[in-house]
PDB file of N, CA and C in Angstrom:
ATOM      1  N   GLN A   1       1.228  17.277 -12.480  1.00  0.00           N
ATOM      2  CA  GLN A   1       2.002  16.888 -11.297  1.00  0.00           C
ATOM      3  C   GLN A   1       1.364  15.591 -10.582  1.00  0.00           C
ATOM      4  N   VAL A   2       2.094  14.510 -10.637  1.00  0.00           N
ATOM      5  CA  VAL A   2       1.594  13.258  -9.938  1.00  0.00           C
ATOM      6  C   VAL A   2       1.924  13.401  -8.371  1.00  0.00           C
ATOM      7  N   GLN A   3       0.959  13.085  -7.599  1.00  0.00           N
ATOM      8  CA  GLN A   3       1.187  12.969  -6.101  1.00  0.00           C
ATOM      9  C   GLN A   3       0.394  11.812  -5.618  1.00  0.00           C
ATOM     10  N   LEU A   4       1.053  11.186  -4.636  1.00  0.00           N
ATOM     11  CA  LEU A   4       0.479  10.046  -3.947  1.00  0.00           C
ATOM     12  C   LEU A   4       0.598  10.423  -2.442  1.00  0.00           C
ATOM     13  N   VAL A   5      -0.493  10.195  -1.687  1.00  0.00           N
ATOM     14  CA  VAL A   5      -0.510  10.539  -0.245  1.00  0.00           C
ATOM     15  C   VAL A   5      -1.224   9.397   0.451  1.00  0.00           C
ATOM     16  N   GLU A   6      -0.417   8.742   1.343  1.00  0.00           N
ATOM     17  CA  GLU A   6      -0.910   7.725   2.186  1.00  0.00           C
ATOM     18  C   GLU A   6      -1.609   8.275   3.492  1.00  0.00           C
ATOM     19  N   SER A   7      -2.507   7.400   4.008  1.00  0.00           N
ATOM     20  CA  SER A   7      -3.126   7.821   5.347  1.00  0.00           C
ATOM     21  C   SER A   7      -3.535   6.422   5.774  1.00  0.00           C
ATOM     22  N   GLY A   8      -3.966   6.456   7.112  1.00  0.00           N
ATOM     23  CA  GLY A   8      -4.581   5.419   7.812  1.00  0.00           C
ATOM     24  C   GLY A   8      -3.655   4.502   8.616  1.00  0.00           C
ATOM     25  N   GLY A   9      -2.379   4.856   8.736  1.00  0.00           N
ATOM     26  CA  GLY A   9      -1.488   4.033   9.587  1.00  0.00           C
ATOM     27  C   GLY A   9      -1.822   4.363  11.090  1.00  0.00           C
ATOM     28  N   GLY A  10      -0.832   3.721  11.827  1.00  0.00           N
ATOM     29  CA  GLY A  10      -0.909   3.933  13.291  1.00  0.00           C
ATOM     30  C   GLY A  10      -0.446   2.786  14.107  1.00  0.00           C
ATOM     31  N   LEU A  11      -0.770   2.732  15.340  1.00  0.00           N
ATOM     32  CA  LEU A  11      -0.434   1.677  16.276  1.00  0.00           C
ATOM     33  C   LEU A  11      -1.518   0.763  16.494  1.00  0.00           C
ATOM     34  N   VAL A  12      -1.198  -0.557  16.303  1.00  0.00           N
ATOM     35  CA  VAL A  12      -2.304  -1.519  16.397  1.00  0.00           C
ATOM     36  C   VAL A  12      -1.822  -2.726  17.086  1.00  0.00           C
ATOM     37  N   GLN A  13      -2.644  -3.312  17.908  1.00  0.00           N
ATOM     38  CA  GLN A  13      -2.279  -4.519  18.684  1.00  0.00           C
ATOM     39  C   GLN A  13      -2.208  -5.755  17.679  1.00  0.00           C
ATOM     40  N   PRO A  14      -1.442  -6.679  17.979  1.00  0.00           N
ATOM     41  CA  PRO A  14      -1.370  -8.008  17.161  1.00  0.00           C
ATOM     42  C   PRO A  14      -2.756  -8.555  17.022  1.00  0.00           C
ATOM     43  N   GLY A  15      -3.065  -8.938  15.874  1.00  0.00           N
ATOM     44  CA  GLY A  15      -4.395  -9.501  15.549  1.00  0.00           C
ATOM     45  C   GLY A  15      -5.436  -8.429  15.071  1.00  0.00           C
ATOM     46  N   GLY A  16      -4.971  -7.180  15.043  1.00  0.00           N
ATOM     47  CA  GLY A  16      -6.006  -6.073  14.712  1.00  0.00           C
ATOM     48  C   GLY A  16      -5.821  -5.949  13.185  1.00  0.00           C
ATOM     49  N   SER A  17      -6.593  -4.971  12.767  1.00  0.00           N
ATOM     50  CA  SER A  17      -6.727  -4.601  11.327  1.00  0.00           C
ATOM     51  C   SER A  17      -6.440  -3.189  11.085  1.00  0.00           C
ATOM     52  N   LEU A  18      -5.993  -2.827   9.826  1.00  0.00           N
ATOM     53  CA  LEU A  18      -5.930  -1.415   9.502  1.00  0.00           C
ATOM     54  C   LEU A  18      -6.299  -1.454   7.976  1.00  0.00           C
ATOM     55  N   ARG A  19      -6.746  -0.169   7.535  1.00  0.00           N
ATOM     56  CA  ARG A  19      -6.930   0.030   6.146  1.00  0.00           C
ATOM     57  C   ARG A  19      -6.088   1.197   5.744  1.00  0.00           C
ATOM     58  N   LEU A  20      -5.131   1.033   4.955  1.00  0.00           N
ATOM     59  CA  LEU A  20      -4.321   2.178   4.470  1.00  0.00           C
ATOM     60  C   LEU A  20      -4.861   2.613   3.172  1.00  0.00           C
ATOM     61  N   SER A  21      -4.875   3.941   3.002  1.00  0.00           N
ATOM     62  CA  SER A  21      -5.404   4.636   1.828  1.00  0.00           C
ATOM     63  C   SER A  21      -4.338   5.357   1.096  1.00  0.00           C
ATOM     64  N   CYS A  22      -4.487   5.522  -0.226  1.00  0.00           N
ATOM     65  CA  CYS A  22      -3.534   6.195  -1.064  1.00  0.00           C
ATOM     66  C   CYS A  22      -4.275   7.050  -1.959  1.00  0.00           C
ATOM     67  N   ALA A  23      -4.323   8.332  -1.799  1.00  0.00           N
ATOM     68  CA  ALA A  23      -4.870   9.267  -2.720  1.00  0.00           C
ATOM     69  C   ALA A  23      -3.964   9.762  -3.728  1.00  0.00           C
ATOM     70  N   VAL A  24      -4.357   9.510  -5.013  1.00  0.00           N
ATOM     71  CA  VAL A  24      -3.648   9.668  -6.281  1.00  0.00           C
ATOM     72  C   VAL A  24      -4.105  10.909  -7.032  1.00  0.00           C
ATOM     73  N   SER A  25      -3.255  11.748  -7.383  1.00  0.00           N
ATOM     74  CA  SER A  25      -3.618  12.739  -8.245  1.00  0.00           C
ATOM     75  C   SER A  25      -2.528  12.854  -9.419  1.00  0.00           C
ATOM     76  N   GLY A  26      -2.963  13.289 -10.598  1.00  0.00           N
ATOM     77  CA  GLY A  26      -2.057  13.542 -11.667  1.00  0.00           C
ATOM     78  C   GLY A  26      -2.017  12.222 -12.735  1.00  0.00           C
ATOM     79  N   LEU A  27      -2.478  11.129 -12.251  1.00  0.00           N
ATOM     80  CA  LEU A  27      -2.695  10.014 -13.243  1.00  0.00           C
ATOM     81  C   LEU A  27      -3.958   9.283 -12.753  1.00  0.00           C
ATOM     82  N   PHE A  28      -4.458   8.421 -13.683  1.00  0.00           N
ATOM     83  CA  PHE A  28      -5.722   7.715 -13.392  1.00  0.00           C
ATOM     84  C   PHE A  28      -5.454   6.302 -13.266  1.00  0.00           C
ATOM     85  N   LEU A  29      -5.985   5.725 -12.092  1.00  0.00           N
ATOM     86  CA  LEU A  29      -5.624   4.420 -11.701  1.00  0.00           C
ATOM     87  C   LEU A  29      -6.164   3.221 -12.634  1.00  0.00           C
ATOM     88  N   ASP A  30      -7.092   3.646 -13.550  1.00  0.00           N
ATOM     89  CA  ASP A  30      -7.613   2.640 -14.491  1.00  0.00           C
ATOM     90  C   ASP A  30      -6.699   2.511 -15.771  1.00  0.00           C
ATOM     91  N   PHE A  31      -5.573   3.360 -15.746  1.00  0.00           N
ATOM     92  CA  PHE A  31      -4.574   3.217 -16.737  1.00  0.00           C
ATOM     93  C   PHE A  31      -3.197   2.894 -16.189  1.00  0.00           C
ATOM     94  N   TYR A  32      -2.970   2.919 -14.921  1.00  0.00           N
ATOM     95  CA  TYR A  32      -1.670   2.715 -14.248  1.00  0.00           C
ATOM     96  C   TYR A  32      -1.727   1.803 -13.143  1.00  0.00           C
ATOM     97  N   THR A  33      -0.715   0.962 -13.058  1.00  0.00           N
ATOM     98  CA  THR A  33      -0.567   0.187 -11.864  1.00  0.00           C
ATOM     99  C   THR A  33      -0.238   0.886 -10.626  1.00  0.00           C
ATOM    100  N   ILE A  34      -0.880   0.492  -9.556  1.00  0.00           N
ATOM    101  CA  ILE A  34      -0.700   1.041  -8.203  1.00  0.00           C
ATOM    102  C   ILE A  34      -0.102  -0.067  -7.334  1.00  0.00           C
ATOM    103  N   ALA A  35       0.975   0.075  -6.747  1.00  0.00           N
ATOM    104  CA  ALA A  35       1.646  -0.828  -5.865  1.00  0.00           C
ATOM    105  C   ALA A  35       1.801  -0.390  -4.392  1.00  0.00           C
ATOM    106  N   TRP A  36       1.915  -1.334  -3.531  1.00  0.00           N
ATOM    107  CA  TRP A  36       2.143  -1.033  -2.068  1.00  0.00           C
ATOM    108  C   TRP A  36       3.467  -1.775  -1.831  1.00  0.00           C
ATOM    109  N   PHE A  37       4.342  -0.948  -1.064  1.00  0.00           N
ATOM    110  CA  PHE A  37       5.538  -1.488  -0.597  1.00  0.00           C
ATOM    111  C   PHE A  37       5.681  -1.164   0.971  1.00  0.00           C
ATOM    112  N   ARG A  38       6.577  -1.883   1.607  1.00  0.00           N
ATOM    113  CA  ARG A  38       6.802  -1.526   2.901  1.00  0.00           C
ATOM    114  C   ARG A  38       8.403  -1.723   3.262  1.00  0.00           C
ATOM    115  N   GLN A  39       8.821  -0.931   4.252  1.00  0.00           N
ATOM    116  CA  GLN A  39      10.136  -0.970   4.652  1.00  0.00           C
ATOM    117  C   GLN A  39      10.200  -1.134   6.199  1.00  0.00           C
ATOM    118  N   ALA A  40      10.624  -2.194   6.636  1.00  0.00           N
ATOM    119  CA  ALA A  40      10.753  -2.381   8.094  1.00  0.00           C
ATOM    120  C   ALA A  40      12.176  -1.860   8.578  1.00  0.00           C
ATOM    121  N   PRO A  41      12.272  -1.552   9.851  1.00  0.00           N
ATOM    122  CA  PRO A  41      13.603  -1.044  10.416  1.00  0.00           C
ATOM    123  C   PRO A  41      14.800  -1.970   9.991  1.00  0.00           C
ATOM    124  N   GLY A  42      15.749  -1.415   9.400  1.00  0.00           N
ATOM    125  CA  GLY A  42      16.941  -2.221   9.070  1.00  0.00           C
ATOM    126  C   GLY A  42      16.829  -3.106   7.901  1.00  0.00           C
ATOM    127  N   LYS A  43      15.741  -3.132   7.203  1.00  0.00           N
ATOM    128  CA  LYS A  43      15.501  -3.983   6.107  1.00  0.00           C
ATOM    129  C   LYS A  43      15.214  -3.236   4.819  1.00  0.00           C
ATOM    130  N   ASP A  44      15.438  -3.930   3.659  1.00  0.00           N
ATOM    131  CA  ASP A  44      15.148  -3.354   2.343  1.00  0.00           C
ATOM    132  C   ASP A  44      13.694  -3.188   2.169  1.00  0.00           C
ATOM    133  N   ARG A  45      13.420  -2.242   1.293  1.00  0.00           N
ATOM    134  CA  ARG A  45      11.974  -2.033   0.980  1.00  0.00           C
ATOM    135  C   ARG A  45      11.481  -3.184   0.138  1.00  0.00           C
ATOM    136  N   GLU A  46      10.374  -3.675   0.370  1.00  0.00           N
ATOM    137  CA  GLU A  46       9.809  -4.942  -0.279  1.00  0.00           C
ATOM    138  C   GLU A  46       8.454  -4.593  -0.874  1.00  0.00           C
ATOM    139  N   GLY A  47       8.098  -5.132  -1.959  1.00  0.00           N
ATOM    140  CA  GLY A  47       6.816  -5.057  -2.532  1.00  0.00           C
ATOM    141  C   GLY A  47       5.911  -6.070  -1.942  1.00  0.00           C
ATOM    142  N   VAL A  48       4.620  -5.501  -1.520  1.00  0.00           N
ATOM    143  CA  VAL A  48       3.696  -6.478  -0.963  1.00  0.00           C
ATOM    144  C   VAL A  48       2.500  -6.788  -1.864  1.00  0.00           C
ATOM    145  N   SER A  49       2.102  -5.790  -2.702  1.00  0.00           N
ATOM    146  CA  SER A  49       0.958  -5.992  -3.426  1.00  0.00           C
ATOM    147  C   SER A  49       0.919  -4.900  -4.653  1.00  0.00           C
ATOM    148  N   TYR A  50       0.200  -5.326  -5.717  1.00  0.00           N
ATOM    149  CA  TYR A  50      -0.073  -4.369  -6.743  1.00  0.00           C
ATOM    150  C   TYR A  50      -1.381  -4.672  -7.395  1.00  0.00           C
ATOM    151  N   ILE A  51      -2.006  -3.675  -8.020  1.00  0.00           N
ATOM    152  CA  ILE A  51      -3.173  -3.675  -8.817  1.00  0.00           C
ATOM    153  C   ILE A  51      -2.812  -3.291 -10.261  1.00  0.00           C
ATOM    154  N   SER A  52      -3.027  -4.036 -11.151  1.00  0.00           N
ATOM    155  CA  SER A  52      -2.712  -3.766 -12.580  1.00  0.00           C
ATOM    156  C   SER A  52      -3.903  -2.855 -13.065  1.00  0.00           C
ATOM    157  N   PRO A  53      -3.688  -2.219 -14.229  1.00  0.00           N
ATOM    158  CA  PRO A  53      -4.834  -1.292 -14.778  1.00  0.00           C
ATOM    159  C   PRO A  53      -6.113  -2.020 -14.846  1.00  0.00           C
ATOM    160  N   ASP A  54      -6.109  -3.309 -15.243  1.00  0.00           N
ATOM    161  CA  ASP A  54      -7.269  -3.968 -15.413  1.00  0.00           C
ATOM    162  C   ASP A  54      -8.024  -4.501 -14.144  1.00  0.00           C
ATOM    163  N   GLY A  55      -7.335  -4.158 -13.054  1.00  0.00           N
ATOM    164  CA  GLY A  55      -8.089  -4.425 -11.602  1.00  0.00           C
ATOM    165  C   GLY A  55      -7.549  -5.613 -11.020  1.00  0.00           C
ATOM    166  N   ALA A  56      -6.698  -6.441 -11.709  1.00  0.00           N
ATOM    167  CA  ALA A  56      -6.266  -7.646 -11.062  1.00  0.00           C
ATOM    168  C   ALA A  56      -5.214  -7.279  -9.908  1.00  0.00           C
ATOM    169  N   ALA A  57      -5.346  -7.996  -8.781  1.00  0.00           N
ATOM    170  CA  ALA A  57      -4.496  -7.775  -7.673  1.00  0.00           C
ATOM    171  C   ALA A  57      -3.487  -8.864  -7.478  1.00  0.00           C
ATOM    172  N   TYR A  58      -2.326  -8.643  -7.126  1.00  0.00           N
ATOM    173  CA  TYR A  58      -1.269  -9.618  -6.903  1.00  0.00           C
ATOM    174  C   TYR A  58      -0.622  -9.346  -5.422  1.00  0.00           C
ATOM    175  N   TYR A  59      -0.125 -10.382  -4.836  1.00  0.00           N
ATOM    176  CA  TYR A  59       0.324 -10.302  -3.472  1.00  0.00           C
ATOM    177  C   TYR A  59       1.671 -11.016  -3.375  1.00  0.00           C
ATOM    178  N   ALA A  60       2.519 -10.523  -2.464  1.00  0.00           N
ATOM    179  CA  ALA A  60       3.722 -11.348  -2.079  1.00  0.00           C
ATOM    180  C   ALA A  60       3.188 -12.529  -1.269  1.00  0.00           C
ATOM    181  N   ASP A  61       3.965 -13.610  -1.395  1.00  0.00           N
ATOM    182  CA  ASP A  61       3.529 -14.772  -0.605  1.00  0.00           C
ATOM    183  C   ASP A  61       3.544 -14.514   0.859  1.00  0.00           C
ATOM    184  N   SER A  62       4.421 -13.572   1.306  1.00  0.00           N
ATOM    185  CA  SER A  62       4.415 -13.317   2.831  1.00  0.00           C
ATOM    186  C   SER A  62       3.183 -12.702   3.345  1.00  0.00           C
ATOM    187  N   VAL A  63       2.275 -12.182   2.412  1.00  0.00           N
ATOM    188  CA  VAL A  63       1.031 -11.427   2.996  1.00  0.00           C
ATOM    189  C   VAL A  63      -0.219 -11.998   2.414  1.00  0.00           C
ATOM    190  N   LYS A  64      -0.104 -13.015   1.565  1.00  0.00           N
ATOM    191  CA  LYS A  64      -1.335 -13.600   0.967  1.00  0.00           C
ATOM    192  C   LYS A  64      -2.246 -14.037   2.088  1.00  0.00           C
ATOM    193  N   GLY A  65      -3.486 -13.800   1.924  1.00  0.00           N
ATOM    194  CA  GLY A  65      -4.560 -14.237   2.863  1.00  0.00           C
ATOM    195  C   GLY A  65      -4.841 -13.146   4.008  1.00  0.00           C
ATOM    196  N   ARG A  66      -3.915 -12.223   4.134  1.00  0.00           N
ATOM    197  CA  ARG A  66      -4.128 -11.226   5.126  1.00  0.00           C
ATOM    198  C   ARG A  66      -4.203  -9.811   4.598  1.00  0.00           C
ATOM    199  N   PHE A  67      -3.632  -9.575   3.397  1.00  0.00           N
ATOM    200  CA  PHE A  67      -3.707  -8.300   2.790  1.00  0.00           C
ATOM    201  C   PHE A  67      -4.595  -8.268   1.663  1.00  0.00           C
ATOM    202  N   THR A  68      -5.448  -7.244   1.450  1.00  0.00           N
ATOM    203  CA  THR A  68      -6.347  -7.152   0.324  1.00  0.00           C
ATOM    204  C   THR A  68      -6.223  -5.762  -0.351  1.00  0.00           C
ATOM    205  N   ALA A  69      -5.717  -5.672  -1.455  1.00  0.00           N
ATOM    206  CA  ALA A  69      -5.565  -4.488  -2.145  1.00  0.00           C
ATOM    207  C   ALA A  69      -6.785  -4.108  -3.032  1.00  0.00           C
ATOM    208  N   SER A  70      -7.264  -2.882  -3.028  1.00  0.00           N
ATOM    209  CA  SER A  70      -8.301  -2.629  -3.818  1.00  0.00           C
ATOM    210  C   SER A  70      -8.196  -1.047  -4.357  1.00  0.00           C
ATOM    211  N   ARG A  71      -9.142  -0.611  -5.145  1.00  0.00           N
ATOM    212  CA  ARG A  71      -9.059   0.690  -5.631  1.00  0.00           C
ATOM    213  C   ARG A  71     -10.481   1.271  -5.967  1.00  0.00           C
ATOM    214  N   ASP A  72     -10.525   2.509  -5.923  1.00  0.00           N
ATOM    215  CA  ASP A  72     -11.856   3.170  -6.316  1.00  0.00           C
ATOM    216  C   ASP A  72     -11.506   4.052  -7.548  1.00  0.00           C
ATOM    217  N   ILE A  73     -11.898   3.665  -8.700  1.00  0.00           N
ATOM    218  CA  ILE A  73     -11.526   4.558  -9.840  1.00  0.00           C
ATOM    219  C   ILE A  73     -12.182   5.864  -9.794  1.00  0.00           C
ATOM    220  N   GLY A  74     -13.472   5.970  -9.364  1.00  0.00           N
ATOM    221  CA  GLY A  74     -14.210   7.208  -9.296  1.00  0.00           C
ATOM    222  C   GLY A  74     -13.428   8.226  -8.306  1.00  0.00           C
ATOM    223  N   LYS A  75     -12.870   7.760  -7.224  1.00  0.00           N
ATOM    224  CA  LYS A  75     -12.227   8.627  -6.243  1.00  0.00           C
ATOM    225  C   LYS A  75     -10.693   8.603  -6.630  1.00  0.00           C
ATOM    226  N   ASN A  76     -10.272   7.801  -7.472  1.00  0.00           N
ATOM    227  CA  ASN A  76      -8.783   7.758  -7.759  1.00  0.00           C
ATOM    228  C   ASN A  76      -7.960   7.416  -6.365  1.00  0.00           C
ATOM    229  N   MET A  77      -8.516   6.468  -5.797  1.00  0.00           N
ATOM    230  CA  MET A  77      -7.899   6.058  -4.388  1.00  0.00           C
ATOM    231  C   MET A  77      -7.572   4.637  -4.518  1.00  0.00           C
ATOM    232  N   ALA A  78      -6.564   4.212  -3.792  1.00  0.00           N
ATOM    233  CA  ALA A  78      -6.083   2.878  -3.639  1.00  0.00           C
ATOM    234  C   ALA A  78      -6.155   2.555  -2.217  1.00  0.00           C
ATOM    235  N   TYR A  79      -6.392   1.255  -1.850  1.00  0.00           N
ATOM    236  CA  TYR A  79      -6.456   0.946  -0.460  1.00  0.00           C
ATOM    237  C   TYR A  79      -5.673  -0.404  -0.219  1.00  0.00           C
ATOM    238  N   LEU A  80      -5.234  -0.444   0.964  1.00  0.00           N
ATOM    239  CA  LEU A  80      -4.633  -1.752   1.396  1.00  0.00           C
ATOM    240  C   LEU A  80      -5.200  -2.136   2.746  1.00  0.00           C
ATOM    241  N   GLN A  81      -6.075  -3.280   2.802  1.00  0.00           N
ATOM    242  CA  GLN A  81      -6.636  -3.843   3.944  1.00  0.00           C
ATOM    243  C   GLN A  81      -5.781  -4.752   4.550  1.00  0.00           C
ATOM    244  N   ILE A  82      -5.330  -4.608   5.842  1.00  0.00           N
ATOM    245  CA  ILE A  82      -4.424  -5.527   6.481  1.00  0.00           C
ATOM    246  C   ILE A  82      -5.157  -6.088   7.606  1.00  0.00           C
ATOM    247  N   ASN A  83      -5.222  -7.413   7.620  1.00  0.00           N
ATOM    248  CA  ASN A  83      -5.865  -8.102   8.753  1.00  0.00           C
ATOM    249  C   ASN A  83      -4.913  -9.021   9.473  1.00  0.00           C
ATOM    250  N   ASN A  84      -5.352  -9.373  10.747  1.00  0.00           N
ATOM    251  CA  ASN A  84      -4.471 -10.199  11.571  1.00  0.00           C
ATOM    252  C   ASN A  84      -3.014  -9.735  11.519  1.00  0.00           C
ATOM    253  N   LEU A  85      -2.864  -8.513  11.946  1.00  0.00           N
ATOM    254  CA  LEU A  85      -1.609  -7.902  11.922  1.00  0.00           C
ATOM    255  C   LEU A  85      -0.690  -8.531  12.974  1.00  0.00           C
ATOM    256  N   LYS A  86       0.548  -8.615  12.483  1.00  0.00           N
ATOM    257  CA  LYS A  86       1.672  -9.301  13.261  1.00  0.00           C
ATOM    258  C   LYS A  86       2.740  -8.326  13.549  1.00  0.00           C
ATOM    259  N   PRO A  87       3.493  -8.474  14.567  1.00  0.00           N
ATOM    260  CA  PRO A  87       4.658  -7.553  14.876  1.00  0.00           C
ATOM    261  C   PRO A  87       5.529  -7.401  13.705  1.00  0.00           C
ATOM    262  N   ASP A  88       5.775  -8.382  12.938  1.00  0.00           N
ATOM    263  CA  ASP A  88       6.631  -8.391  11.643  1.00  0.00           C
ATOM    264  C   ASP A  88       6.104  -7.454  10.647  1.00  0.00           C
ATOM    265  N   ASP A  89       4.727  -7.070  10.794  1.00  0.00           N
ATOM    266  CA  ASP A  89       4.293  -6.162   9.705  1.00  0.00           C
ATOM    267  C   ASP A  89       4.618  -4.707  10.104  1.00  0.00           C
ATOM    268  N   THR A  90       5.283  -4.464  11.204  1.00  0.00           N
ATOM    269  CA  THR A  90       5.616  -3.172  11.538  1.00  0.00           C
ATOM    270  C   THR A  90       6.657  -2.543  10.439  1.00  0.00           C
ATOM    271  N   ALA A  91       6.319  -1.523   9.884  1.00  0.00           N
ATOM    272  CA  ALA A  91       7.029  -0.959   8.723  1.00  0.00           C
ATOM    273  C   ALA A  91       6.395   0.460   8.396  1.00  0.00           C
ATOM    274  N   VAL A  92       7.174   1.078   7.581  1.00  0.00           N
ATOM    275  CA  VAL A  92       6.620   2.251   6.814  1.00  0.00           C
ATOM    276  C   VAL A  92       6.091   1.638   5.456  1.00  0.00           C
ATOM    277  N   TYR A  93       4.786   1.998   5.260  1.00  0.00           N
ATOM    278  CA  TYR A  93       4.191   1.524   4.021  1.00  0.00           C
ATOM    279  C   TYR A  93       3.969   2.629   2.986  1.00  0.00           C
ATOM    280  N   TYR A  94       4.342   2.313   1.748  1.00  0.00           N
ATOM    281  CA  TYR A  94       4.323   3.298   0.715  1.00  0.00           C
ATOM    282  C   TYR A  94       3.302   2.778  -0.479  1.00  0.00           C
ATOM    283  N   CYS A  95       2.803   3.766  -1.127  1.00  0.00           N
ATOM    284  CA  CYS A  95       2.058   3.441  -2.371  1.00  0.00           C
ATOM    285  C   CYS A  95       2.958   4.011  -3.538  1.00  0.00           C
ATOM    286  N   LYS A  96       2.887   3.325  -4.609  1.00  0.00           N
ATOM    287  CA  LYS A  96       3.815   3.822  -5.747  1.00  0.00           C
ATOM    288  C   LYS A  96       3.104   3.533  -7.066  1.00  0.00           C
ATOM    289  N   SER A  97       3.279   4.434  -8.021  1.00  0.00           N
ATOM    290  CA  SER A  97       2.807   4.266  -9.440  1.00  0.00           C
ATOM    291  C   SER A  97       4.006   4.711 -10.309  1.00  0.00           C
ATOM    292  N   ASN A  98       3.677   4.401 -11.544  1.00  0.00           N
ATOM    293  CA  ASN A  98       4.820   4.917 -12.448  1.00  0.00           C
ATOM    294  C   ASN A  98       4.106   5.327 -13.735  1.00  0.00           C
ATOM    295  N   TRP A  99       4.831   6.161 -14.434  1.00  0.00           N
ATOM    296  CA  TRP A  99       4.373   6.773 -15.728  1.00  0.00           C
ATOM    297  C   TRP A  99       5.499   6.729 -16.595  1.00  0.00           C
ATOM    298  N   GLY A 100       5.504   5.684 -17.592  1.00  0.00           N
ATOM    299  CA  GLY A 100       6.745   5.626 -18.385  1.00  0.00           C
ATOM    300  C   GLY A 100       7.910   5.177 -17.523  1.00  0.00           C
ATOM    301  N   THR A 101       9.037   5.833 -17.522  1.00  0.00           N
ATOM    302  CA  THR A 101      10.183   5.377 -16.777  1.00  0.00           C
ATOM    303  C   THR A 101      10.212   6.164 -15.396  1.00  0.00           C
ATOM    304  N   ASP A 102       9.180   6.988 -15.125  1.00  0.00           N
ATOM    305  CA  ASP A 102       9.201   7.786 -13.893  1.00  0.00           C
ATOM    306  C   ASP A 102       8.476   7.055 -12.729  1.00  0.00           C
ATOM    307  N   ASP A 103       9.073   6.785 -11.672  1.00  0.00           N
ATOM    308  CA  ASP A 103       8.289   6.282 -10.470  1.00  0.00           C
ATOM    309  C   ASP A 103       7.847   7.383  -9.515  1.00  0.00           C
ATOM    310  N   TYR A 104       6.706   7.140  -8.976  1.00  0.00           N
ATOM    311  CA  TYR A 104       6.152   8.199  -8.111  1.00  0.00           C
ATOM    312  C   TYR A 104       5.748   7.383  -6.797  1.00  0.00           C
ATOM    313  N   TRP A 105       6.246   7.979  -5.801  1.00  0.00           N
ATOM    314  CA  TRP A 105       6.079   7.323  -4.405  1.00  0.00           C
ATOM    315  C   TRP A 105       5.329   8.307  -3.473  1.00  0.00           C
ATOM    316  N   GLY A 106       4.451   7.795  -2.679  1.00  0.00           N
ATOM    317  CA  GLY A 106       3.996   8.523  -1.628  1.00  0.00           C
ATOM    318  C   GLY A 106       5.034   8.768  -0.524  1.00  0.00           C
ATOM    319  N   GLN A 107       4.716   9.529   0.497  1.00  0.00           N
ATOM    320  CA  GLN A 107       5.647   9.981   1.594  1.00  0.00           C
ATOM    321  C   GLN A 107       5.813   8.815   2.541  1.00  0.00           C
ATOM    322  N   GLY A 108       4.988   7.879   2.577  1.00  0.00           N
ATOM    323  CA  GLY A 108       5.077   6.704   3.444  1.00  0.00           C
ATOM    324  C   GLY A 108       4.252   6.983   4.759  1.00  0.00           C
ATOM    325  N   ILE A 109       3.694   5.875   5.364  1.00  0.00           N
ATOM    326  CA  ILE A 109       2.992   5.999   6.517  1.00  0.00           C
ATOM    327  C   ILE A 109       3.348   4.795   7.484  1.00  0.00           C
ATOM    328  N   GLN A 110       3.475   5.229   8.781  1.00  0.00           N
ATOM    329  CA  GLN A 110       4.138   4.176   9.679  1.00  0.00           C
ATOM    330  C   GLN A 110       2.892   3.377  10.210  1.00  0.00           C
ATOM    331  N   VAL A 111       3.130   1.965  10.189  1.00  0.00           N
ATOM    332  CA  VAL A 111       2.352   1.095  10.862  1.00  0.00           C
ATOM    333  C   VAL A 111       3.139   0.336  11.877  1.00  0.00           C
ATOM    334  N   THR A 112       2.657   0.333  13.091  1.00  0.00           N
ATOM    335  CA  THR A 112       3.374  -0.261  14.294  1.00  0.00           C
ATOM    336  C   THR A 112       2.462  -1.256  14.817  1.00  0.00           C
ATOM    337  N   VAL A 113       2.899  -2.512  15.045  1.00  0.00           N
ATOM    338  CA  VAL A 113       2.037  -3.553  15.641  1.00  0.00           C
ATOM    339  C   VAL A 113       2.786  -3.954  16.953  1.00  0.00           C
ATOM    340  N   SER A 114       2.100  -3.691  18.016  1.00  0.00           N
ATOM    341  CA  SER A 114       2.688  -3.944  19.296  1.00  0.00           C
ATOM    342  C   SER A 114       1.569  -4.022  20.352  1.00  0.00           C
ATOM    343  N   SER A 115       1.785  -4.789  21.324  1.00  0.00           N
ATOM    344  CA  SER A 115       0.771  -4.842  22.355  1.00  0.00           C
ATOM    345  C   SER A 115       1.287  -3.940  23.489  1.00  0.00           C
TER     346      SER A 115
END
């Protein structure tokens, strides 16, 4: 059974930082892509970053330079470091992987950027 569980969200002031974590069970990150998405209120879910099985990280243009995705193969964990947070980063953040045609999503974690 594949499970993804996010943690690390919360309320942060503009300019602050957060590190989101995604604990993965049921599949191994050195064989599968792990992606991060976010959904702001009233907006569609958007992809912000992913790490391919070979470890290469990719970012949406809107977050380049502020977001850093990483993974720990030994712990089977993925991380999303977010720096210089802006109010527009307020959203529910999700990690996602897939196995064949099946997508697996975490439950989501709220990130709120406000003074």
